[in-house]
Amino acid sequence: MTKDKWSRGPDGDVPGTDLKTERDEFLKKFSRGTQLTEDFVKEHERIQGRLLDLEQENAGLRAKVEADQAVRELLKKIERLENEKSELVSQYRQAEAATTEFTARVHEVESEFAN
């Protein structure tokens, strides 16, 4: 009978040392694979938790940016209204000056006609 790695030991029922060694190596590799899988699962769970935290933080920051954007828009609107108010006040003063000048001219003309 030829000897190979699958051959039985001298008893015939007991596996040979090569088969035991292969079995032990396979079990070690399988154990390492199991450990790696558990590590990957733990890392995946950790990353999922971090992702949820970041999504919540992102939502909060978006809300803050939107609120800041609304404040900026309101400030711009206030500035536009202030400019419009200044223009209207300027136009009012010009109209008032024109009215005063016209009224003075009317009084002047009335005085000439009265004389």
PDB file of N, CA and C in Angstrom:
ATOM      1  N   MET A   1       0.837  -1.170   0.000  1.00  0.00           N
ATOM      2  CA  MET A   1       0.000   0.000   0.000  1.00  0.00           C
ATOM      3  C   MET A   1       0.886   1.238   0.000  1.00  0.00           C
ATOM      4  N   THR A   2       0.507   2.230  -0.830  1.00  0.00           N
ATOM      5  CA  THR A   2       1.319   3.433  -0.923  1.00  0.00           C
ATOM      6  C   THR A   2       0.923   4.389   0.169  1.00  0.00           C
ATOM      7  N   LYS A   3       1.887   5.156   0.624  1.00  0.00           N
ATOM      8  CA  LYS A   3       1.607   6.132   1.686  1.00  0.00           C
ATOM      9  C   LYS A   3       1.308   7.464   1.011  1.00  0.00           C
ATOM     10  N   ASP A   4       0.248   8.121   1.432  1.00  0.00           N
ATOM     11  CA  ASP A   4      -0.043   9.493   1.029  1.00  0.00           C
ATOM     12  C   ASP A   4      -0.609  10.216   2.244  1.00  0.00           C
ATOM     13  N   LYS A   5      -0.959  11.466   2.050  1.00  0.00           N
ATOM     14  CA  LYS A   5      -1.393  12.232   3.222  1.00  0.00           C
ATOM     15  C   LYS A   5      -2.758  11.794   3.736  1.00  0.00           C
ATOM     16  N   TRP A   6      -3.498  11.056   2.962  1.00  0.00           N
ATOM     17  CA  TRP A   6      -4.812  10.613   3.386  1.00  0.00           C
ATOM     18  C   TRP A   6      -4.782   9.213   4.005  1.00  0.00           C
ATOM     19  N   SER A   7      -3.656   8.658   4.034  1.00  0.00           N
ATOM     20  CA  SER A   7      -3.583   7.277   4.532  1.00  0.00           C
ATOM     21  C   SER A   7      -3.839   7.229   6.025  1.00  0.00           C
ATOM     22  N   ARG A   8      -4.264   6.094   6.455  1.00  0.00           N
ATOM     23  CA  ARG A   8      -4.535   5.882   7.866  1.00  0.00           C
ATOM     24  C   ARG A   8      -3.235   5.610   8.600  1.00  0.00           C
ATOM     25  N   GLY A   9      -3.329   5.740   9.867  1.00  0.00           N
ATOM     26  CA  GLY A   9      -2.165   5.435  10.693  1.00  0.00           C
ATOM     27  C   GLY A   9      -1.941   3.930  10.744  1.00  0.00           C
ATOM     28  N   PRO A  10      -1.043   3.509  11.573  1.00  0.00           N
ATOM     29  CA  PRO A  10      -0.725   2.091  11.654  1.00  0.00           C
ATOM     30  C   PRO A  10      -1.924   1.244  12.079  1.00  0.00           C
ATOM     31  N   ASP A  11      -2.859   1.810  12.844  1.00  0.00           N
ATOM     32  CA  ASP A  11      -4.015   1.048  13.317  1.00  0.00           C
ATOM     33  C   ASP A  11      -5.014   0.825  12.190  1.00  0.00           C
ATOM     34  N   GLY A  12      -5.102   1.764  11.266  1.00  0.00           N
ATOM     35  CA  GLY A  12      -6.081   1.673  10.198  1.00  0.00           C
ATOM     36  C   GLY A  12      -7.310   2.502  10.498  1.00  0.00           C
ATOM     37  N   ASP A  13      -7.714   2.632  11.758  1.00  0.00           N
ATOM     38  CA  ASP A  13      -8.887   3.427  12.126  1.00  0.00           C
ATOM     39  C   ASP A  13      -8.519   4.835  12.568  1.00  0.00           C
ATOM     40  N   VAL A  14      -7.328   5.068  13.004  1.00  0.00           N
ATOM     41  CA  VAL A  14      -6.891   6.369  13.519  1.00  0.00           C
ATOM     42  C   VAL A  14      -6.274   7.153  12.362  1.00  0.00           C
ATOM     43  N   PRO A  15      -6.701   8.429  12.186  1.00  0.00           N
ATOM     44  CA  PRO A  15      -6.135   9.217  11.089  1.00  0.00           C
ATOM     45  C   PRO A  15      -4.630   9.386  11.271  1.00  0.00           C
ATOM     46  N   GLY A  16      -3.940   9.512  10.148  1.00  0.00           N
ATOM     47  CA  GLY A  16      -2.506   9.731  10.187  1.00  0.00           C
ATOM     48  C   GLY A  16      -2.174  11.120  10.684  1.00  0.00           C
ATOM     49  N   THR A  17      -0.911  11.352  10.976  1.00  0.00           N
ATOM     50  CA  THR A  17      -0.490  12.649  11.503  1.00  0.00           C
ATOM     51  C   THR A  17      -0.684  13.757  10.473  1.00  0.00           C
ATOM     52  N   ASP A  18      -0.532  13.448   9.192  1.00  0.00           N
ATOM     53  CA  ASP A  18      -0.746  14.477   8.168  1.00  0.00           C
ATOM     54  C   ASP A  18      -2.191  14.938   8.174  1.00  0.00           C
ATOM     55  N   LEU A  19      -3.116  14.015   8.313  1.00  0.00           N
ATOM     56  CA  LEU A  19      -4.534  14.349   8.332  1.00  0.00           C
ATOM     57  C   LEU A  19      -4.876  15.161   9.576  1.00  0.00           C
ATOM     58  N   LYS A  20      -4.285  14.821  10.710  1.00  0.00           N
ATOM     59  CA  LYS A  20      -4.515  15.590  11.941  1.00  0.00           C
ATOM     60  C   LYS A  20      -3.974  17.002  11.789  1.00  0.00           C
ATOM     61  N   THR A  21      -2.803  17.108  11.193  1.00  0.00           N
ATOM     62  CA  THR A  21      -2.196  18.430  10.989  1.00  0.00           C
ATOM     63  C   THR A  21      -3.066  19.277  10.072  1.00  0.00           C
ATOM     64  N   GLU A  22      -3.539  18.676   8.995  1.00  0.00           N
ATOM     65  CA  GLU A  22      -4.421  19.419   8.078  1.00  0.00           C
ATOM     66  C   GLU A  22      -5.700  19.842   8.777  1.00  0.00           C
ATOM     67  N   ARG A  23      -6.260  18.940   9.570  1.00  0.00           N
ATOM     68  CA  ARG A  23      -7.483  19.270  10.305  1.00  0.00           C
ATOM     69  C   ARG A  23      -7.233  20.437  11.249  1.00  0.00           C
ATOM     70  N   ASP A  24      -6.119  20.388  11.987  1.00  0.00           N
ATOM     71  CA  ASP A  24      -5.792  21.459  12.923  1.00  0.00           C
ATOM     72  C   ASP A  24      -5.579  22.779  12.192  1.00  0.00           C
ATOM     73  N   GLU A  25      -4.895  22.734  11.052  1.00  0.00           N
ATOM     74  CA  GLU A  25      -4.685  23.960  10.261  1.00  0.00           C
ATOM     75  C   GLU A  25      -6.006  24.503   9.751  1.00  0.00           C
ATOM     76  N   PHE A  26      -6.876  23.608   9.277  1.00  0.00           N
ATOM     77  CA  PHE A  26      -8.193  24.038   8.798  1.00  0.00           C
ATOM     78  C   PHE A  26      -8.986  24.688   9.923  1.00  0.00           C
ATOM     79  N   LEU A  27      -8.966  24.082  11.106  1.00  0.00           N
ATOM     80  CA  LEU A  27      -9.693  24.645  12.242  1.00  0.00           C
ATOM     81  C   LEU A  27      -9.127  26.009  12.642  1.00  0.00           C
ATOM     82  N   LYS A  28      -7.796  26.147  12.570  1.00  0.00           N
ATOM     83  CA  LYS A  28      -7.182  27.450  12.874  1.00  0.00           C
ATOM     84  C   LYS A  28      -7.648  28.504  11.872  1.00  0.00           C
ATOM     85  N   LYS A  29      -7.597  28.129  10.584  1.00  0.00           N
ATOM     86  CA  LYS A  29      -8.033  29.077   9.546  1.00  0.00           C
ATOM     87  C   LYS A  29      -9.503  29.414   9.706  1.00  0.00           C
ATOM     88  N   PHE A  30     -10.304  28.402  10.001  1.00  0.00           N
ATOM     89  CA  PHE A  30     -11.729  28.622  10.188  1.00  0.00           C
ATOM     90  C   PHE A  30     -11.972  29.533  11.391  1.00  0.00           C
ATOM     91  N   SER A  31     -11.214  29.311  12.457  1.00  0.00           N
ATOM     92  CA  SER A  31     -11.336  30.157  13.649  1.00  0.00           C
ATOM     93  C   SER A  31     -10.926  31.586  13.332  1.00  0.00           C
ATOM     94  N   ARG A  32      -9.842  31.747  12.570  1.00  0.00           N
ATOM     95  CA  ARG A  32      -9.413  33.097  12.167  1.00  0.00           C
ATOM     96  C   ARG A  32     -10.480  33.756  11.299  1.00  0.00           C
ATOM     97  N   GLY A  33     -11.065  32.971  10.397  1.00  0.00           N
ATOM     98  CA  GLY A  33     -12.141  33.499   9.547  1.00  0.00           C
ATOM     99  C   GLY A  33     -13.335  33.932  10.368  1.00  0.00           C
ATOM    100  N   THR A  34     -13.674  33.122  11.366  1.00  0.00           N
ATOM    101  CA  THR A  34     -14.780  33.472  12.256  1.00  0.00           C
ATOM    102  C   THR A  34     -14.468  34.756  13.011  1.00  0.00           C
ATOM    103  N   GLN A  35     -13.254  34.872  13.512  1.00  0.00           N
ATOM    104  CA  GLN A  35     -12.854  36.071  14.251  1.00  0.00           C
ATOM    105  C   GLN A  35     -12.893  37.298  13.336  1.00  0.00           C
ATOM    106  N   LEU A  36     -12.379  37.143  12.110  1.00  0.00           N
ATOM    107  CA  LEU A  36     -12.411  38.266  11.164  1.00  0.00           C
ATOM    108  C   LEU A  36     -13.845  38.679  10.860  1.00  0.00           C
ATOM    109  N   THR A  37     -14.716  37.702  10.681  1.00  0.00           N
ATOM    110  CA  THR A  37     -16.122  38.002  10.406  1.00  0.00           C
ATOM    111  C   THR A  37     -16.745  38.753  11.570  1.00  0.00           C
ATOM    112  N   GLU A  38     -16.475  38.295  12.794  1.00  0.00           N
ATOM    113  CA  GLU A  38     -17.001  38.995  13.969  1.00  0.00           C
ATOM    114  C   GLU A  38     -16.456  40.415  14.041  1.00  0.00           C
ATOM    115  N   ASP A  39     -15.167  40.581  13.737  1.00  0.00           N
ATOM    116  CA  ASP A  39     -14.572  41.921  13.734  1.00  0.00           C
ATOM    117  C   ASP A  39     -15.240  42.808  12.689  1.00  0.00           C
ATOM    118  N   PHE A  40     -15.481  42.242  11.494  1.00  0.00           N
ATOM    119  CA  PHE A  40     -16.137  43.015  10.440  1.00  0.00           C
ATOM    120  C   PHE A  40     -17.547  43.408  10.844  1.00  0.00           C
ATOM    121  N   VAL A  41     -18.268  42.498  11.485  1.00  0.00           N
ATOM    122  CA  VAL A  41     -19.632  42.794  11.926  1.00  0.00           C
ATOM    123  C   VAL A  41     -19.609  43.907  12.970  1.00  0.00           C
ATOM    124  N   LYS A  42     -18.690  43.829  13.929  1.00  0.00           N
ATOM    125  CA  LYS A  42     -18.582  44.878  14.950  1.00  0.00           C
ATOM    126  C   LYS A  42     -18.234  46.218  14.316  1.00  0.00           C
ATOM    127  N   GLU A  43     -17.288  46.202  13.376  1.00  0.00           N
ATOM    128  CA  GLU A  43     -16.884  47.436  12.696  1.00  0.00           C
ATOM    129  C   GLU A  43     -18.049  48.003  11.890  1.00  0.00           C
ATOM    130  N   HIS A  44     -18.795  47.127  11.239  1.00  0.00           N
ATOM    131  CA  HIS A  44     -19.960  47.573  10.459  1.00  0.00           C
ATOM    132  C   HIS A  44     -20.989  48.227  11.378  1.00  0.00           C
ATOM    133  N   GLU A  45     -21.246  47.625  12.532  1.00  0.00           N
ATOM    134  CA  GLU A  45     -22.200  48.199  13.486  1.00  0.00           C
ATOM    135  C   GLU A  45     -21.701  49.550  14.000  1.00  0.00           C
ATOM    136  N   ARG A  46     -20.398  49.638  14.264  1.00  0.00           N
ATOM    137  CA  ARG A  46     -19.827  50.901  14.731  1.00  0.00           C
ATOM    138  C   ARG A  46     -19.972  51.976  13.656  1.00  0.00           C
ATOM    139  N   ILE A  47     -19.702  51.599  12.420  1.00  0.00           N
ATOM    140  CA  ILE A  47     -19.801  52.564  11.317  1.00  0.00           C
ATOM    141  C   ILE A  47     -21.248  52.986  11.101  1.00  0.00           C
ATOM    142  N   GLN A  48     -22.187  52.055  11.237  1.00  0.00           N
ATOM    143  CA  GLN A  48     -23.597  52.415  11.102  1.00  0.00           C
ATOM    144  C   GLN A  48     -24.015  53.402  12.191  1.00  0.00           C
ATOM    145  N   GLY A  49     -23.559  53.180  13.414  1.00  0.00           N
ATOM    146  CA  GLY A  49     -23.861  54.118  14.498  1.00  0.00           C
ATOM    147  C   GLY A  49     -23.278  55.487  14.216  1.00  0.00           C
ATOM    148  N   ARG A  50     -22.050  55.501  13.730  1.00  0.00           N
ATOM    149  CA  ARG A  50     -21.400  56.776  13.387  1.00  0.00           C
ATOM    150  C   ARG A  50     -22.152  57.478  12.259  1.00  0.00           C
ATOM    151  N   LEU A  51     -22.606  56.691  11.279  1.00  0.00           N
ATOM    152  CA  LEU A  51     -23.371  57.256  10.164  1.00  0.00           C
ATOM    153  C   LEU A  51     -24.648  57.905  10.671  1.00  0.00           C
ATOM    154  N   LEU A  52     -25.345  57.234  11.580  1.00  0.00           N
ATOM    155  CA  LEU A  52     -26.568  57.817  12.139  1.00  0.00           C
ATOM    156  C   LEU A  52     -26.259  59.111  12.883  1.00  0.00           C
ATOM    157  N   ASP A  53     -25.175  59.107  13.668  1.00  0.00           N
ATOM    158  CA  ASP A  53     -24.779  60.326  14.383  1.00  0.00           C
ATOM    159  C   ASP A  53     -24.499  61.459  13.403  1.00  0.00           C
ATOM    160  N   LEU A  54     -23.760  61.152  12.339  1.00  0.00           N
ATOM    161  CA  LEU A  54     -23.416  62.181  11.356  1.00  0.00           C
ATOM    162  C   LEU A  54     -24.652  62.683  10.612  1.00  0.00           C
ATOM    163  N   GLU A  55     -25.592  61.787  10.318  1.00  0.00           N
ATOM    164  CA  GLU A  55     -26.820  62.217   9.652  1.00  0.00           C
ATOM    165  C   GLU A  55     -27.617  63.156  10.540  1.00  0.00           C
ATOM    166  N   GLN A  56     -27.678  62.856  11.845  1.00  0.00           N
ATOM    167  CA  GLN A  56     -28.386  63.740  12.773  1.00  0.00           C
ATOM    168  C   GLN A  56     -27.676  65.089  12.873  1.00  0.00           C
ATOM    169  N   GLU A  57     -26.349  65.047  12.957  1.00  0.00           N
ATOM    170  CA  GLU A  57     -25.578  66.288  13.017  1.00  0.00           C
ATOM    171  C   GLU A  57     -25.776  67.097  11.744  1.00  0.00           C
ATOM    172  N   ASN A  58     -25.784  66.418  10.606  1.00  0.00           N
ATOM    173  CA  ASN A  58     -25.985  67.079   9.327  1.00  0.00           C
ATOM    174  C   ASN A  58     -27.361  67.743   9.268  1.00  0.00           C
ATOM    175  N   ALA A  59     -28.385  67.033   9.752  1.00  0.00           N
ATOM    176  CA  ALA A  59     -29.735  67.598   9.760  1.00  0.00           C
ATOM    177  C   ALA A  59     -29.778  68.857  10.632  1.00  0.00           C
ATOM    178  N   GLY A  60     -29.111  68.798  11.776  1.00  0.00           N
ATOM    179  CA  GLY A  60     -29.061  69.978  12.649  1.00  0.00           C
ATOM    180  C   GLY A  60     -28.345  71.139  11.997  1.00  0.00           C
ATOM    181  N   LEU A  61     -27.229  70.848  11.337  1.00  0.00           N
ATOM    182  CA  LEU A  61     -26.481  71.903  10.653  1.00  0.00           C
ATOM    183  C   LEU A  61     -27.270  72.486   9.485  1.00  0.00           C
ATOM    184  N   ARG A  62     -27.993  71.615   8.765  1.00  0.00           N
ATOM    185  CA  ARG A  62     -28.826  72.116   7.660  1.00  0.00           C
ATOM    186  C   ARG A  62     -29.900  73.061   8.195  1.00  0.00           C
ATOM    187  N   ALA A  63     -30.519  72.686   9.310  1.00  0.00           N
ATOM    188  CA  ALA A  63     -31.542  73.544   9.903  1.00  0.00           C
ATOM    189  C   ALA A  63     -30.938  74.877  10.315  1.00  0.00           C
ATOM    190  N   LYS A  64     -29.735  74.820  10.882  1.00  0.00           N
ATOM    191  CA  LYS A  64     -29.070  76.060  11.298  1.00  0.00           C
ATOM    192  C   LYS A  64     -28.726  76.918  10.092  1.00  0.00           C
ATOM    193  N   VAL A  65     -28.230  76.285   9.033  1.00  0.00           N
ATOM    194  CA  VAL A  65     -27.888  77.033   7.817  1.00  0.00           C
ATOM    195  C   VAL A  65     -29.134  77.665   7.223  1.00  0.00           C
ATOM    196  N   GLU A  66     -30.236  76.895   7.214  1.00  0.00           N
ATOM    197  CA  GLU A  66     -31.491  77.447   6.697  1.00  0.00           C
ATOM    198  C   GLU A  66     -31.943  78.630   7.545  1.00  0.00           C
ATOM    199  N   ALA A  67     -31.813  78.516   8.866  1.00  0.00           N
ATOM    200  CA  ALA A  67     -32.184  79.622   9.746  1.00  0.00           C
ATOM    201  C   ALA A  67     -31.260  80.816   9.496  1.00  0.00           C
ATOM    202  N   ASP A  68     -29.962  80.544   9.362  1.00  0.00           N
ATOM    203  CA  ASP A  68     -29.005  81.610   9.064  1.00  0.00           C
ATOM    204  C   ASP A  68     -29.321  82.245   7.716  1.00  0.00           C
ATOM    205  N   GLN A  69     -29.696  81.410   6.746  1.00  0.00           N
ATOM    206  CA  GLN A  69     -30.054  81.914   5.414  1.00  0.00           C
ATOM    207  C   GLN A  69     -31.275  82.822   5.526  1.00  0.00           C
ATOM    208  N   ALA A  70     -32.267  82.418   6.312  1.00  0.00           N
ATOM    209  CA  ALA A  70     -33.465  83.234   6.493  1.00  0.00           C
ATOM    210  C   ALA A  70     -33.102  84.561   7.154  1.00  0.00           C
ATOM    211  N   VAL A  71     -32.218  84.536   8.133  1.00  0.00           N
ATOM    212  CA  VAL A  71     -31.788  85.768   8.799  1.00  0.00           C
ATOM    213  C   VAL A  71     -31.069  86.670   7.799  1.00  0.00           C
ATOM    214  N   ARG A  72     -30.173  86.062   6.977  1.00  0.00           N
ATOM    215  CA  ARG A  72     -29.462  86.871   5.966  1.00  0.00           C
ATOM    216  C   ARG A  72     -30.441  87.503   4.987  1.00  0.00           C
ATOM    217  N   GLU A  73     -31.443  86.733   4.558  1.00  0.00           N
ATOM    218  CA  GLU A  73     -32.441  87.275   3.636  1.00  0.00           C
ATOM    219  C   GLU A  73     -33.223  88.412   4.290  1.00  0.00           C
ATOM    220  N   LEU A  74     -33.566  88.239   5.562  1.00  0.00           N
ATOM    221  CA  LEU A  74     -34.285  89.310   6.264  1.00  0.00           C
ATOM    222  C   LEU A  74     -33.419  90.560   6.400  1.00  0.00           C
ATOM    223  N   LEU A  75     -32.129  90.371   6.685  1.00  0.00           N
ATOM    224  CA  LEU A  75     -31.231  91.527   6.784  1.00  0.00           C
ATOM    225  C   LEU A  75     -31.115  92.245   5.445  1.00  0.00           C
ATOM    226  N   LYS A  76     -31.040  91.475   4.353  1.00  0.00           N
ATOM    227  CA  LYS A  76     -30.997  92.096   3.024  1.00  0.00           C
ATOM    228  C   LYS A  76     -32.277  92.871   2.739  1.00  0.00           C
ATOM    229  N   LYS A  77     -33.412  92.277   3.134  1.00  0.00           N
ATOM    230  CA  LYS A  77     -34.694  92.952   2.921  1.00  0.00           C
ATOM    231  C   LYS A  77     -34.762  94.238   3.735  1.00  0.00           C
ATOM    232  N   ILE A  78     -34.278  94.182   4.971  1.00  0.00           N
ATOM    233  CA  ILE A  78     -34.250  95.395   5.812  1.00  0.00           C
ATOM    234  C   ILE A  78     -33.386  96.461   5.156  1.00  0.00           C
ATOM    235  N   GLU A  79     -32.227  96.051   4.642  1.00  0.00           N
ATOM    236  CA  GLU A  79     -31.343  97.004   3.980  1.00  0.00           C
ATOM    237  C   GLU A  79     -32.018  97.621   2.752  1.00  0.00           C
ATOM    238  N   ARG A  80     -32.700  96.787   1.954  1.00  0.00           N
ATOM    239  CA  ARG A  80     -33.423  97.311   0.782  1.00  0.00           C
ATOM    240  C   ARG A  80     -34.500  98.300   1.199  1.00  0.00           C
ATOM    241  N   LEU A  81     -35.242  97.951   2.256  1.00  0.00           N
ATOM    242  CA  LEU A  81     -36.301  98.841   2.727  1.00  0.00           C
ATOM    243  C   LEU A  81     -35.731 100.148   3.282  1.00  0.00           C
ATOM    244  N   GLU A  82     -34.591 100.070   3.964  1.00  0.00           N
ATOM    245  CA  GLU A  82     -33.941 101.289   4.460  1.00  0.00           C
ATOM    246  C   GLU A  82     -33.523 102.186   3.291  1.00  0.00           C
ATOM    247  N   ASN A  83     -32.961 101.567   2.246  1.00  0.00           N
ATOM    248  CA  ASN A  83     -32.576 102.346   1.063  1.00  0.00           C
ATOM    249  C   ASN A  83     -33.796 102.972   0.400  1.00  0.00           C
ATOM    250  N   GLU A  84     -34.870 102.188   0.292  1.00  0.00           N
ATOM    251  CA  GLU A  84     -36.102 102.717  -0.303  1.00  0.00           C
ATOM    252  C   GLU A  84     -36.655 103.862   0.538  1.00  0.00           C
ATOM    253  N   LYS A  85     -36.592 103.719   1.862  1.00  0.00           N
ATOM    254  CA  LYS A  85     -37.059 104.778   2.771  1.00  0.00           C
ATOM    255  C   LYS A  85     -36.237 106.050   2.560  1.00  0.00           C
ATOM    256  N   SER A  86     -34.905 105.877   2.456  1.00  0.00           N
ATOM    257  CA  SER A  86     -34.041 107.040   2.234  1.00  0.00           C
ATOM    258  C   SER A  86     -34.387 107.742   0.926  1.00  0.00           C
ATOM    259  N   GLU A  87     -34.635 106.948  -0.118  1.00  0.00           N
ATOM    260  CA  GLU A  87     -35.010 107.540  -1.408  1.00  0.00           C
ATOM    261  C   GLU A  87     -36.341 108.288  -1.299  1.00  0.00           C
ATOM    262  N   LEU A  88     -37.314 107.675  -0.619  1.00  0.00           N
ATOM    263  CA  LEU A  88     -38.619 108.327  -0.461  1.00  0.00           C
ATOM    264  C   LEU A  88     -38.519 109.602   0.362  1.00  0.00           C
ATOM    265  N   VAL A  89     -37.706 109.577   1.422  1.00  0.00           N
ATOM    266  CA  VAL A  89     -37.515 110.779   2.242  1.00  0.00           C
ATOM    267  C   VAL A  89     -36.861 111.868   1.397  1.00  0.00           C
ATOM    268  N   SER A  90     -35.880 111.489   0.585  1.00  0.00           N
ATOM    269  CA  SER A  90     -35.212 112.450  -0.286  1.00  0.00           C
ATOM    270  C   SER A  90     -36.203 113.043  -1.289  1.00  0.00           C
ATOM    271  N   GLN A  91     -37.034 112.176  -1.899  1.00  0.00           N
ATOM    272  CA  GLN A  91     -38.040 112.665  -2.849  1.00  0.00           C
ATOM    273  C   GLN A  91     -39.058 113.572  -2.148  1.00  0.00           C
ATOM    274  N   TYR A  92     -39.441 113.233  -0.928  1.00  0.00           N
ATOM    275  CA  TYR A  92     -40.385 114.050  -0.165  1.00  0.00           C
ATOM    276  C   TYR A  92     -39.785 115.440   0.092  1.00  0.00           C
ATOM    277  N   ARG A  93     -38.514 115.463   0.489  1.00  0.00           N
ATOM    278  CA  ARG A  93     -37.866 116.751   0.761  1.00  0.00           C
ATOM    279  C   ARG A  93     -37.770 117.588  -0.515  1.00  0.00           C
ATOM    280  N   GLN A  94     -37.455 116.930  -1.629  1.00  0.00           N
ATOM    281  CA  GLN A  94     -37.403 117.664  -2.903  1.00  0.00           C
ATOM    282  C   GLN A  94     -38.778 118.209  -3.264  1.00  0.00           C
ATOM    283  N   ALA A  95     -39.822 117.395  -3.064  1.00  0.00           N
ATOM    284  CA  ALA A  95     -41.184 117.852  -3.361  1.00  0.00           C
ATOM    285  C   ALA A  95     -41.579 118.984  -2.415  1.00  0.00           C
ATOM    286  N   GLU A  96     -41.209 118.857  -1.157  1.00  0.00           N
ATOM    287  CA  GLU A  96     -41.519 119.901  -0.182  1.00  0.00           C
ATOM    288  C   GLU A  96     -40.808 121.205  -0.552  1.00  0.00           C
ATOM    289  N   ALA A  97     -39.559 121.099  -0.975  1.00  0.00           N
ATOM    290  CA  ALA A  97     -38.809 122.289  -1.383  1.00  0.00           C
ATOM    291  C   ALA A  97     -39.454 122.917  -2.620  1.00  0.00           C
ATOM    292  N   ALA A  98     -39.872 122.045  -3.565  1.00  0.00           N
ATOM    293  CA  ALA A  98     -40.529 122.560  -4.764  1.00  0.00           C
ATOM    294  C   ALA A  98     -41.850 123.233  -4.395  1.00  0.00           C
ATOM    295  N   THR A  99     -42.595 122.628  -3.467  1.00  0.00           N
ATOM    296  CA  THR A  99     -43.867 123.214  -3.028  1.00  0.00           C
ATOM    297  C   THR A  99     -43.631 124.548  -2.330  1.00  0.00           C
ATOM    298  N   THR A 100     -42.631 124.606  -1.500  1.00  0.00           N
ATOM    299  CA  THR A 100     -42.310 125.842  -0.797  1.00  0.00           C
ATOM    300  C   THR A 100     -41.921 126.925  -1.809  1.00  0.00           C
ATOM    301  N   GLU A 101     -41.131 126.552  -2.786  1.00  0.00           N
ATOM    302  CA  GLU A 101     -40.710 127.499  -3.823  1.00  0.00           C
ATOM    303  C   GLU A 101     -41.915 127.958  -4.642  1.00  0.00           C
ATOM    304  N   PHE A 102     -42.817 127.006  -4.975  1.00  0.00           N
ATOM    305  CA  PHE A 102     -44.010 127.347  -5.739  1.00  0.00           C
ATOM    306  C   PHE A 102     -44.931 128.257  -4.932  1.00  0.00           C
ATOM    307  N   THR A 103     -45.101 127.940  -3.634  1.00  0.00           N
ATOM    308  CA  THR A 103     -45.953 128.766  -2.771  1.00  0.00           C
ATOM    309  C   THR A 103     -45.374 130.173  -2.653  1.00  0.00           C
ATOM    310  N   ALA A 104     -44.080 130.285  -2.515  1.00  0.00           N
ATOM    311  CA  ALA A 104     -43.445 131.603  -2.424  1.00  0.00           C
ATOM    312  C   ALA A 104     -43.662 132.370  -3.729  1.00  0.00           C
ATOM    313  N   ARG A 105     -43.555 131.663  -4.831  1.00  0.00           N
ATOM    314  CA  ARG A 105     -43.753 132.301  -6.145  1.00  0.00           C
ATOM    315  C   ARG A 105     -45.200 132.759  -6.299  1.00  0.00           C
ATOM    316  N   VAL A 106     -46.158 131.931  -5.829  1.00  0.00           N
ATOM    317  CA  VAL A 106     -47.578 132.299  -5.900  1.00  0.00           C
ATOM    318  C   VAL A 106     -47.818 133.551  -5.057  1.00  0.00           C
ATOM    319  N   HIS A 107     -47.263 133.602  -3.852  1.00  0.00           N
ATOM    320  CA  HIS A 107     -47.427 134.789  -2.999  1.00  0.00           C
ATOM    321  C   HIS A 107     -46.821 136.010  -3.680  1.00  0.00           C
ATOM    322  N   GLU A 108     -45.711 135.811  -4.322  1.00  0.00           N
ATOM    323  CA  GLU A 108     -45.047 136.907  -5.034  1.00  0.00           C
ATOM    324  C   GLU A 108     -45.921 137.429  -6.166  1.00  0.00           C
ATOM    325  N   VAL A 109     -46.507 136.487  -6.919  1.00  0.00           N
ATOM    326  CA  VAL A 109     -47.387 136.886  -8.045  1.00  0.00           C
ATOM    327  C   VAL A 109     -48.618 137.572  -7.499  1.00  0.00           C
ATOM    328  N   GLU A 110     -49.223 137.056  -6.424  1.00  0.00           N
ATOM    329  CA  GLU A 110     -50.409 137.664  -5.818  1.00  0.00           C
ATOM    330  C   GLU A 110     -50.102 139.064  -5.328  1.00  0.00           C
ATOM    331  N   SER A 111     -48.897 139.232  -4.776  1.00  0.00           N
ATOM    332  CA  SER A 111     -48.507 140.554  -4.276  1.00  0.00           C
ATOM    333  C   SER A 111     -48.406 141.539  -5.438  1.00  0.00           C
ATOM    334  N   GLU A 112     -47.878 141.082  -6.551  1.00  0.00           N
ATOM    335  CA  GLU A 112     -47.746 141.958  -7.743  1.00  0.00           C
ATOM    336  C   GLU A 112     -49.121 142.318  -8.262  1.00  0.00           C
ATOM    337  N   PHE A 113     -50.039 141.338  -8.315  1.00  0.00           N
ATOM    338  CA  PHE A 113     -51.391 141.640  -8.806  1.00  0.00           C
ATOM    339  C   PHE A 113     -52.146 142.559  -7.831  1.00  0.00           C
ATOM    340  N   ALA A 114     -51.857 142.419  -6.545  1.00  0.00           N
ATOM    341  CA  ALA A 114     -52.526 143.236  -5.551  1.00  0.00           C
ATOM    342  C   ALA A 114     -52.050 144.685  -5.662  1.00  0.00           C
ATOM    343  N   ASN A 115     -50.847 144.874  -6.063  1.00  0.00           N
ATOM    344  CA  ASN A 115     -50.333 146.218  -6.188  1.00  0.00           C
ATOM    345  C   ASN A 115     -50.750 146.748  -7.523  1.00  0.00           C
TER     346      ASN A 115
END
